[in-house]
Amino acid sequence: MFQLAIIKDTIPIHPQHFGIAPSEAITGELNKKYANRVLHEVGLCVCVFDLADVGEGRVRYGDGFLWYKVTFRMVVFRPFVSEVVVAKVKSSDEDGIRLSMGFFDDMYIPAIYLPQPCAFDPNERAHFWLPDSSLTSTSDLLDTPTSERMYIDTNEVVRVRVEQDEFYDDEPGPTKVVEGVIQDTAGGVEKGLAGNKRPPYSVVCSIAEQGLGPVVWWNGAQVVEGEEEGMEEG
């Protein structure tokens, strides 16, 4: 889930920080610059792990700052493909489920990665799974008794498997408009007047396997199995 990335940069230190140990001042400036920032094809930066190499501070002409060439290791969030992580359901719609890990909210479960048969209940604003059912159409699934449905509710803790991650580098420049329709930088049509800005980094997940989904589904199964074993021994 968390990795170490080696990064090189040149960092300025303001004169007011000259009384602080250089390593401490440099670490503080690096955290200000990189923390909670997405680096393309690297991940979401969390904090500086350590300083691998720090050059001699130099003063530039007309500038009172001390500039240091630094090589450092940064802790980044980037779960690998097939890694199983735990997150919370933030919201749901017809297209799938959005997840949150508290510090990162751009995790998604598309409808194709939900356990089948599954449908979205517009009244509850949540997807539900109907285990051991042969129904396939959404209308038939929505006609089933709610007592038979296993809902994936908002704020539910879920165990998911990472399928892929996506980086999106938003090109600078004016908004593209073709025949009065706002276009995104990839050539697609933006939704709404202001458009939906794509996140720079997102993670696509799945719960379409045994042991994945709301943890209460499988915690309950473990309890039942334990009770059955106890009854057999008795």
C-alpha atoms as a PDB file:
ATOM      1  CA  MET A   1       0.000   0.000   0.000  1.00  0.00           C
ATOM      2  CA  PHE A   2       2.798   2.402   0.935  1.00  0.00           C
ATOM      3  CA  GLN A   3       6.066   2.601  -0.967  1.00  0.00           C
ATOM      4  CA  LEU A   4       9.297   4.590  -0.894  1.00  0.00           C
ATOM      5  CA  ALA A   5      10.129   6.798  -3.869  1.00  0.00           C
ATOM      6  CA  ILE A   6      13.563   8.339  -4.416  1.00  0.00           C
ATOM      7  CA  ILE A   7      13.273  11.990  -5.506  1.00  0.00           C
ATOM      8  CA  LYS A   8      15.813  14.710  -6.312  1.00  0.00           C
ATOM      9  CA  ASP A   9      15.043  18.400  -5.904  1.00  0.00           C
ATOM     10  CA  THR A  10      16.587  21.784  -5.115  1.00  0.00           C
ATOM     11  CA  ILE A  11      15.053  23.359  -2.018  1.00  0.00           C
ATOM     12  CA  PRO A  12      15.342  26.977  -0.786  1.00  0.00           C
ATOM     13  CA  ILE A  13      15.654  27.713   2.931  1.00  0.00           C
ATOM     14  CA  HIS A  14      14.456  31.137   4.125  1.00  0.00           C
ATOM     15  CA  PRO A  15      16.879  33.157   6.287  1.00  0.00           C
ATOM     16  CA  GLN A  16      14.466  32.989   9.228  1.00  0.00           C
ATOM     17  CA  HIS A  17      15.172  29.223   9.370  1.00  0.00           C
ATOM     18  CA  PHE A  18      18.980  29.512   9.408  1.00  0.00           C
ATOM     19  CA  GLY A  19      18.955  28.900  13.171  1.00  0.00           C
ATOM     20  CA  ILE A  20      17.392  25.463  12.657  1.00  0.00           C
ATOM     21  CA  ALA A  21      19.443  22.380  11.812  1.00  0.00           C
ATOM     22  CA  PRO A  22      19.651  22.181   7.985  1.00  0.00           C
ATOM     23  CA  SER A  23      18.207  18.640   7.871  1.00  0.00           C
ATOM     24  CA  GLU A  24      15.186  19.700   9.929  1.00  0.00           C
ATOM     25  CA  ALA A  25      14.567  22.841   7.865  1.00  0.00           C
ATOM     26  CA  ILE A  26      14.934  20.944   4.575  1.00  0.00           C
ATOM     27  CA  THR A  27      12.578  18.180   5.721  1.00  0.00           C
ATOM     28  CA  GLY A  28       9.979  20.773   6.692  1.00  0.00           C
ATOM     29  CA  GLU A  29      10.176  22.507   3.308  1.00  0.00           C
ATOM     30  CA  LEU A  30       9.971  19.185   1.456  1.00  0.00           C
ATOM     31  CA  ASN A  31       6.861  18.184   3.393  1.00  0.00           C
ATOM     32  CA  LYS A  32       5.261  21.557   2.611  1.00  0.00           C
ATOM     33  CA  LYS A  33       5.965  21.082  -1.083  1.00  0.00           C
ATOM     34  CA  TYR A  34       5.108  17.388  -1.545  1.00  0.00           C
ATOM     35  CA  ALA A  35       2.699  16.223   1.187  1.00  0.00           C
ATOM     36  CA  ASN A  36      -0.774  15.377  -0.180  1.00  0.00           C
ATOM     37  CA  ARG A  37       0.447  15.936  -3.744  1.00  0.00           C
ATOM     38  CA  VAL A  38       0.135  13.380  -6.558  1.00  0.00           C
ATOM     39  CA  LEU A  39       3.276  12.693  -8.592  1.00  0.00           C
ATOM     40  CA  HIS A  40       2.484  11.227 -12.006  1.00  0.00           C
ATOM     41  CA  GLU A  41       3.233   7.483 -12.193  1.00  0.00           C
ATOM     42  CA  VAL A  42       4.561   7.617  -8.600  1.00  0.00           C
ATOM     43  CA  GLY A  43       1.560   8.018  -6.289  1.00  0.00           C
ATOM     44  CA  LEU A  44       0.153  10.214  -3.525  1.00  0.00           C
ATOM     45  CA  CYS A  45       2.953  11.701  -1.428  1.00  0.00           C
ATOM     46  CA  VAL A  46       2.526  11.303   2.334  1.00  0.00           C
ATOM     47  CA  CYS A  47       5.706  12.534   4.046  1.00  0.00           C
ATOM     48  CA  VAL A  48       9.497  12.519   3.844  1.00  0.00           C
ATOM     49  CA  PHE A  49      11.009   9.250   5.069  1.00  0.00           C
ATOM     50  CA  ASP A  50      14.640  10.370   5.196  1.00  0.00           C
ATOM     51  CA  LEU A  51      17.282  12.486   3.462  1.00  0.00           C
ATOM     52  CA  ALA A  52      19.682  10.372   1.405  1.00  0.00           C
ATOM     53  CA  ASP A  53      22.017  13.155   0.288  1.00  0.00           C
ATOM     54  CA  VAL A  54      22.175  16.889   0.978  1.00  0.00           C
ATOM     55  CA  GLY A  55      24.524  19.150  -0.965  1.00  0.00           C
ATOM     56  CA  GLU A  56      26.208  22.312   0.287  1.00  0.00           C
ATOM     57  CA  GLY A  57      23.871  25.292   0.673  1.00  0.00           C
ATOM     58  CA  ARG A  58      24.496  28.048  -1.860  1.00  0.00           C
ATOM     59  CA  VAL A  59      23.261  31.634  -2.073  1.00  0.00           C
ATOM     60  CA  ARG A  60      22.048  32.883  -5.455  1.00  0.00           C
ATOM     61  CA  TYR A  61      22.681  36.422  -6.680  1.00  0.00           C
ATOM     62  CA  GLY A  62      19.965  38.785  -5.447  1.00  0.00           C
ATOM     63  CA  ASP A  63      18.433  36.069  -3.278  1.00  0.00           C
ATOM     64  CA  GLY A  64      19.016  35.660   0.454  1.00  0.00           C
ATOM     65  CA  PHE A  65      17.851  32.027   0.469  1.00  0.00           C
ATOM     66  CA  LEU A  66      20.162  29.061   0.919  1.00  0.00           C
ATOM     67  CA  TRP A  67      19.561  26.560  -1.891  1.00  0.00           C
ATOM     68  CA  TYR A  68      20.246  22.866  -1.267  1.00  0.00           C
ATOM     69  CA  LYS A  69      20.378  20.055  -3.811  1.00  0.00           C
ATOM     70  CA  VAL A  70      18.672  17.168  -2.047  1.00  0.00           C
ATOM     71  CA  THR A  71      18.089  13.469  -2.722  1.00  0.00           C
ATOM     72  CA  PHE A  72      15.444  12.062  -0.396  1.00  0.00           C
ATOM     73  CA  ARG A  73      13.034   9.188   0.082  1.00  0.00           C
ATOM     74  CA  MET A  74       9.310   9.958   0.139  1.00  0.00           C
ATOM     75  CA  VAL A  75       6.559   7.739   1.525  1.00  0.00           C
ATOM     76  CA  VAL A  76       3.895   7.452  -1.190  1.00  0.00           C
ATOM     77  CA  PHE A  77       0.498   5.795  -1.249  1.00  0.00           C
ATOM     78  CA  ARG A  78       0.151   3.484  -4.247  1.00  0.00           C
ATOM     79  CA  PRO A  79      -1.390   0.049  -3.612  1.00  0.00           C
ATOM     80  CA  PHE A  80      -0.212  -2.607  -6.048  1.00  0.00           C
ATOM     81  CA  VAL A  81      -2.531  -4.569  -8.341  1.00  0.00           C
ATOM     82  CA  SER A  82      -4.230  -7.523  -6.567  1.00  0.00           C
ATOM     83  CA  GLU A  83      -3.478  -6.055  -3.122  1.00  0.00           C
ATOM     84  CA  VAL A  84      -6.386  -6.394  -0.664  1.00  0.00           C
ATOM     85  CA  VAL A  85      -7.130  -3.251   1.358  1.00  0.00           C
ATOM     86  CA  VAL A  86      -9.860  -2.092   3.728  1.00  0.00           C
ATOM     87  CA  ALA A  87     -11.845   1.094   3.074  1.00  0.00           C
ATOM     88  CA  LYS A  88     -15.218   2.716   3.802  1.00  0.00           C
ATOM     89  CA  VAL A  89     -18.127   3.265   1.430  1.00  0.00           C
ATOM     90  CA  LYS A  90     -18.426   7.003   0.780  1.00  0.00           C
ATOM     91  CA  SER A  91     -21.298   7.047  -1.725  1.00  0.00           C
ATOM     92  CA  SER A  92     -23.102   4.906  -4.306  1.00  0.00           C
ATOM     93  CA  ASP A  93     -24.855   5.456  -7.623  1.00  0.00           C
ATOM     94  CA  GLU A  94     -25.936   3.432 -10.655  1.00  0.00           C
ATOM     95  CA  ASP A  95     -22.367   3.300 -11.990  1.00  0.00           C
ATOM     96  CA  GLY A  96     -20.794   1.840  -8.854  1.00  0.00           C
ATOM     97  CA  ILE A  97     -19.443   2.647  -5.397  1.00  0.00           C
ATOM     98  CA  ARG A  98     -17.004   5.327  -4.255  1.00  0.00           C
ATOM     99  CA  LEU A  99     -14.675   4.465  -1.377  1.00  0.00           C
ATOM    100  CA  SER A 100     -12.591   6.425   1.106  1.00  0.00           C
ATOM    101  CA  MET A 101      -9.534   5.566   3.187  1.00  0.00           C
ATOM    102  CA  GLY A 102      -9.785   8.761   5.211  1.00  0.00           C
ATOM    103  CA  PHE A 103      -6.785  10.422   3.567  1.00  0.00           C
ATOM    104  CA  PHE A 104      -7.672   9.306   0.002  1.00  0.00           C
ATOM    105  CA  ASP A 105     -11.153   9.410  -1.547  1.00  0.00           C
ATOM    106  CA  ASP A 106     -10.596   8.578  -5.224  1.00  0.00           C
ATOM    107  CA  MET A 107     -11.221   4.822  -4.999  1.00  0.00           C
ATOM    108  CA  TYR A 108     -14.031   3.284  -7.031  1.00  0.00           C
ATOM    109  CA  ILE A 109     -15.812  -0.041  -7.516  1.00  0.00           C
ATOM    110  CA  PRO A 110     -17.446  -0.066 -10.986  1.00  0.00           C
ATOM    111  CA  ALA A 111     -20.711  -2.009 -11.302  1.00  0.00           C
ATOM    112  CA  ILE A 112     -18.937  -4.768 -13.272  1.00  0.00           C
ATOM    113  CA  TYR A 113     -16.742  -5.507 -10.233  1.00  0.00           C
ATOM    114  CA  LEU A 114     -19.669  -6.024  -7.831  1.00  0.00           C
ATOM    115  CA  PRO A 115     -20.785  -9.552  -6.810  1.00  0.00           C
ATOM    116  CA  GLN A 116     -23.492 -10.937  -9.061  1.00  0.00           C
ATOM    117  CA  PRO A 117     -26.453 -10.834  -9.089  1.00  0.00           C
ATOM    118  CA  CYS A 118     -26.378  -7.249  -7.861  1.00  0.00           C
ATOM    119  CA  ALA A 119     -28.562  -4.172  -8.366  1.00  0.00           C
ATOM    120  CA  PHE A 120     -28.778  -0.534  -7.268  1.00  0.00           C
ATOM    121  CA  ASP A 121     -31.712   0.388  -5.033  1.00  0.00           C
ATOM    122  CA  PRO A 122     -32.601   4.044  -5.812  1.00  0.00           C
ATOM    123  CA  ASN A 123     -34.659   4.338  -2.617  1.00  0.00           C
ATOM    124  CA  GLU A 124     -31.831   3.248  -0.327  1.00  0.00           C
ATOM    125  CA  ARG A 125     -29.132   4.772  -2.574  1.00  0.00           C
ATOM    126  CA  ALA A 126     -27.129   1.591  -2.170  1.00  0.00           C
ATOM    127  CA  HIS A 127     -26.219  -1.541  -4.090  1.00  0.00           C
ATOM    128  CA  PHE A 128     -27.343  -4.935  -2.822  1.00  0.00           C
ATOM    129  CA  TRP A 129     -26.284  -8.501  -3.495  1.00  0.00           C
ATOM    130  CA  LEU A 130     -28.717 -11.400  -3.733  1.00  0.00           C
ATOM    131  CA  PRO A 131     -26.688 -14.558  -3.056  1.00  0.00           C
ATOM    132  CA  ASP A 132     -27.821 -17.944  -4.422  1.00  0.00           C
ATOM    133  CA  SER A 133     -30.245 -16.272  -6.817  1.00  0.00           C
ATOM    134  CA  SER A 134     -30.683 -17.042 -10.513  1.00  0.00           C
ATOM    135  CA  LEU A 135     -32.226 -13.635 -11.275  1.00  0.00           C
ATOM    136  CA  THR A 136     -30.312 -11.451 -13.711  1.00  0.00           C
ATOM    137  CA  SER A 137     -32.479  -8.467 -14.696  1.00  0.00           C
ATOM    138  CA  THR A 138     -32.476  -5.342 -12.533  1.00  0.00           C
ATOM    139  CA  SER A 139     -36.276  -5.143 -12.481  1.00  0.00           C
ATOM    140  CA  ASP A 140     -36.555  -8.704 -11.150  1.00  0.00           C
ATOM    141  CA  LEU A 141     -33.931  -8.049  -8.498  1.00  0.00           C
ATOM    142  CA  LEU A 142     -35.729  -4.892  -7.332  1.00  0.00           C
ATOM    143  CA  ASP A 143     -38.952  -6.913  -6.928  1.00  0.00           C
ATOM    144  CA  THR A 144     -37.346  -9.232  -4.365  1.00  0.00           C
ATOM    145  CA  PRO A 145     -38.113  -8.858  -0.620  1.00  0.00           C
ATOM    146  CA  THR A 146     -35.702  -6.451   1.104  1.00  0.00           C
ATOM    147  CA  SER A 147     -35.140  -9.032   3.848  1.00  0.00           C
ATOM    148  CA  GLU A 148     -33.307 -11.240   1.339  1.00  0.00           C
ATOM    149  CA  ARG A 149     -30.980  -8.484   0.138  1.00  0.00           C
ATOM    150  CA  MET A 150     -27.442  -7.915   1.405  1.00  0.00           C
ATOM    151  CA  TYR A 151     -26.924  -4.156   1.169  1.00  0.00           C
ATOM    152  CA  ILE A 152     -23.619  -2.329   0.831  1.00  0.00           C
ATOM    153  CA  ASP A 153     -24.494   0.793   2.823  1.00  0.00           C
ATOM    154  CA  THR A 154     -22.730   4.142   3.143  1.00  0.00           C
ATOM    155  CA  ASN A 155     -19.960   4.104   5.809  1.00  0.00           C
ATOM    156  CA  GLU A 156     -19.809   0.303   5.596  1.00  0.00           C
ATOM    157  CA  VAL A 157     -16.289  -1.061   6.071  1.00  0.00           C
ATOM    158  CA  VAL A 158     -15.404  -3.142   3.017  1.00  0.00           C
ATOM    159  CA  ARG A 159     -12.507  -5.344   2.001  1.00  0.00           C
ATOM    160  CA  VAL A 160     -11.571  -4.785  -1.650  1.00  0.00           C
ATOM    161  CA  ARG A 161      -9.016  -5.992  -4.172  1.00  0.00           C
ATOM    162  CA  VAL A 162      -7.128  -3.447  -6.285  1.00  0.00           C
ATOM    163  CA  GLU A 163      -7.690  -4.056 -10.010  1.00  0.00           C
ATOM    164  CA  GLN A 164      -5.785  -1.091 -11.455  1.00  0.00           C
ATOM    165  CA  ASP A 165      -4.743   2.478 -10.806  1.00  0.00           C
ATOM    166  CA  GLU A 166      -4.982   5.402 -13.193  1.00  0.00           C
ATOM    167  CA  PHE A 167      -3.016   8.638 -13.447  1.00  0.00           C
ATOM    168  CA  TYR A 168      -4.456  11.611 -15.281  1.00  0.00           C
ATOM    169  CA  ASP A 169      -2.239  14.526 -16.233  1.00  0.00           C
ATOM    170  CA  ASP A 170      -4.497  17.542 -16.759  1.00  0.00           C
ATOM    171  CA  GLU A 171      -3.013  19.679 -19.523  1.00  0.00           C
ATOM    172  CA  PRO A 172      -2.920  23.427 -18.799  1.00  0.00           C
ATOM    173  CA  GLY A 173      -4.714  25.823 -21.065  1.00  0.00           C
ATOM    174  CA  PRO A 174      -8.187  27.154 -21.851  1.00  0.00           C
ATOM    175  CA  THR A 175     -11.257  24.925 -21.781  1.00  0.00           C
ATOM    176  CA  LYS A 176     -11.910  23.273 -25.143  1.00  0.00           C
ATOM    177  CA  VAL A 177     -15.369  23.834 -26.618  1.00  0.00           C
ATOM    178  CA  VAL A 178     -16.589  22.048 -29.759  1.00  0.00           C
ATOM    179  CA  GLU A 179     -19.937  23.180 -31.174  1.00  0.00           C
ATOM    180  CA  GLY A 180     -20.951  24.620 -27.820  1.00  0.00           C
ATOM    181  CA  VAL A 181     -20.067  21.430 -25.875  1.00  0.00           C
ATOM    182  CA  ILE A 182     -17.315  21.515 -23.237  1.00  0.00           C
ATOM    183  CA  GLN A 183     -14.637  18.897 -23.923  1.00  0.00           C
ATOM    184  CA  ASP A 184     -12.136  17.403 -21.505  1.00  0.00           C
ATOM    185  CA  THR A 185      -8.449  17.218 -22.415  1.00  0.00           C
ATOM    186  CA  ALA A 186      -8.800  13.576 -23.469  1.00  0.00           C
ATOM    187  CA  GLY A 187     -11.407  14.484 -26.055  1.00  0.00           C
ATOM    188  CA  GLY A 188     -14.446  13.373 -24.076  1.00  0.00           C
ATOM    189  CA  VAL A 189     -17.502  15.418 -23.196  1.00  0.00           C
ATOM    190  CA  GLU A 190     -17.532  16.976 -19.744  1.00  0.00           C
ATOM    191  CA  LYS A 191     -20.708  16.702 -17.677  1.00  0.00           C
ATOM    192  CA  GLY A 192     -22.372  19.874 -16.425  1.00  0.00           C
ATOM    193  CA  LEU A 193     -21.642  23.488 -17.197  1.00  0.00           C
ATOM    194  CA  ALA A 194     -18.406  23.605 -15.235  1.00  0.00           C
ATOM    195  CA  GLY A 195     -17.417  20.056 -16.141  1.00  0.00           C
ATOM    196  CA  ASN A 196     -16.352  17.203 -13.866  1.00  0.00           C
ATOM    197  CA  LYS A 197     -12.648  17.479 -13.197  1.00  0.00           C
ATOM    198  CA  ARG A 198     -10.934  14.092 -13.215  1.00  0.00           C
ATOM    199  CA  PRO A 199      -8.751  13.281 -10.198  1.00  0.00           C
ATOM    200  CA  PRO A 200      -5.013  13.122 -10.916  1.00  0.00           C
ATOM    201  CA  TYR A 201      -4.851   9.644  -9.366  1.00  0.00           C
ATOM    202  CA  SER A 202      -7.585   7.059  -8.847  1.00  0.00           C
ATOM    203  CA  VAL A 203      -7.760   3.399  -7.856  1.00  0.00           C
ATOM    204  CA  VAL A 204     -10.232   0.885  -9.326  1.00  0.00           C
ATOM    205  CA  CYS A 205     -11.242  -1.947  -6.991  1.00  0.00           C
ATOM    206  CA  SER A 206     -13.332  -5.122  -6.996  1.00  0.00           C
ATOM    207  CA  ILE A 207     -15.433  -7.075  -4.467  1.00  0.00           C
ATOM    208  CA  ALA A 208     -16.569  -9.821  -6.872  1.00  0.00           C
ATOM    209  CA  GLU A 209     -14.759 -12.627  -5.008  1.00  0.00           C
ATOM    210  CA  GLN A 210     -15.137 -14.753  -1.895  1.00  0.00           C
ATOM    211  CA  GLY A 211     -14.039 -12.905   1.228  1.00  0.00           C
ATOM    212  CA  LEU A 212     -14.417  -9.453  -0.332  1.00  0.00           C
ATOM    213  CA  GLY A 213     -17.121  -6.884   0.353  1.00  0.00           C
ATOM    214  CA  PRO A 214     -18.486  -5.664   3.703  1.00  0.00           C
ATOM    215  CA  VAL A 215     -16.409  -7.308   6.430  1.00  0.00           C
ATOM    216  CA  VAL A 216     -19.581  -8.092   8.414  1.00  0.00           C
ATOM    217  CA  TRP A 217     -20.658 -10.526   5.686  1.00  0.00           C
ATOM    218  CA  TRP A 218     -17.652 -12.736   6.281  1.00  0.00           C
ATOM    219  CA  ASN A 219     -17.197 -12.082  10.004  1.00  0.00           C
ATOM    220  CA  GLY A 220     -20.702 -13.443  10.476  1.00  0.00           C
ATOM    221  CA  ALA A 221     -19.845 -16.516   8.417  1.00  0.00           C
ATOM    222  CA  GLN A 222     -16.825 -17.200  10.612  1.00  0.00           C
ATOM    223  CA  VAL A 223     -18.962 -17.017  13.752  1.00  0.00           C
ATOM    224  CA  VAL A 224     -21.496 -19.460  12.324  1.00  0.00           C
ATOM    225  CA  GLU A 225     -18.764 -21.903  11.341  1.00  0.00           C
ATOM    226  CA  GLY A 226     -17.257 -21.719  14.810  1.00  0.00           C
ATOM    227  CA  GLU A 227     -20.638 -22.400  16.406  1.00  0.00           C
ATOM    228  CA  GLU A 228     -21.180 -25.399  14.127  1.00  0.00           C
ATOM    229  CA  GLU A 229     -17.773 -26.843  15.036  1.00  0.00           C
ATOM    230  CA  GLY A 230     -18.565 -26.401  18.729  1.00  0.00           C
ATOM    231  CA  MET A 231     -21.885 -28.178  18.321  1.00  0.00           C
ATOM    232  CA  GLU A 232     -20.202 -31.102  16.506  1.00  0.00           C
ATOM    233  CA  GLU A 233     -17.605 -31.469  19.254  1.00  0.00           C
ATOM    234  CA  GLY A 234     -20.331 -31.407  21.903  1.00  0.00           C
END
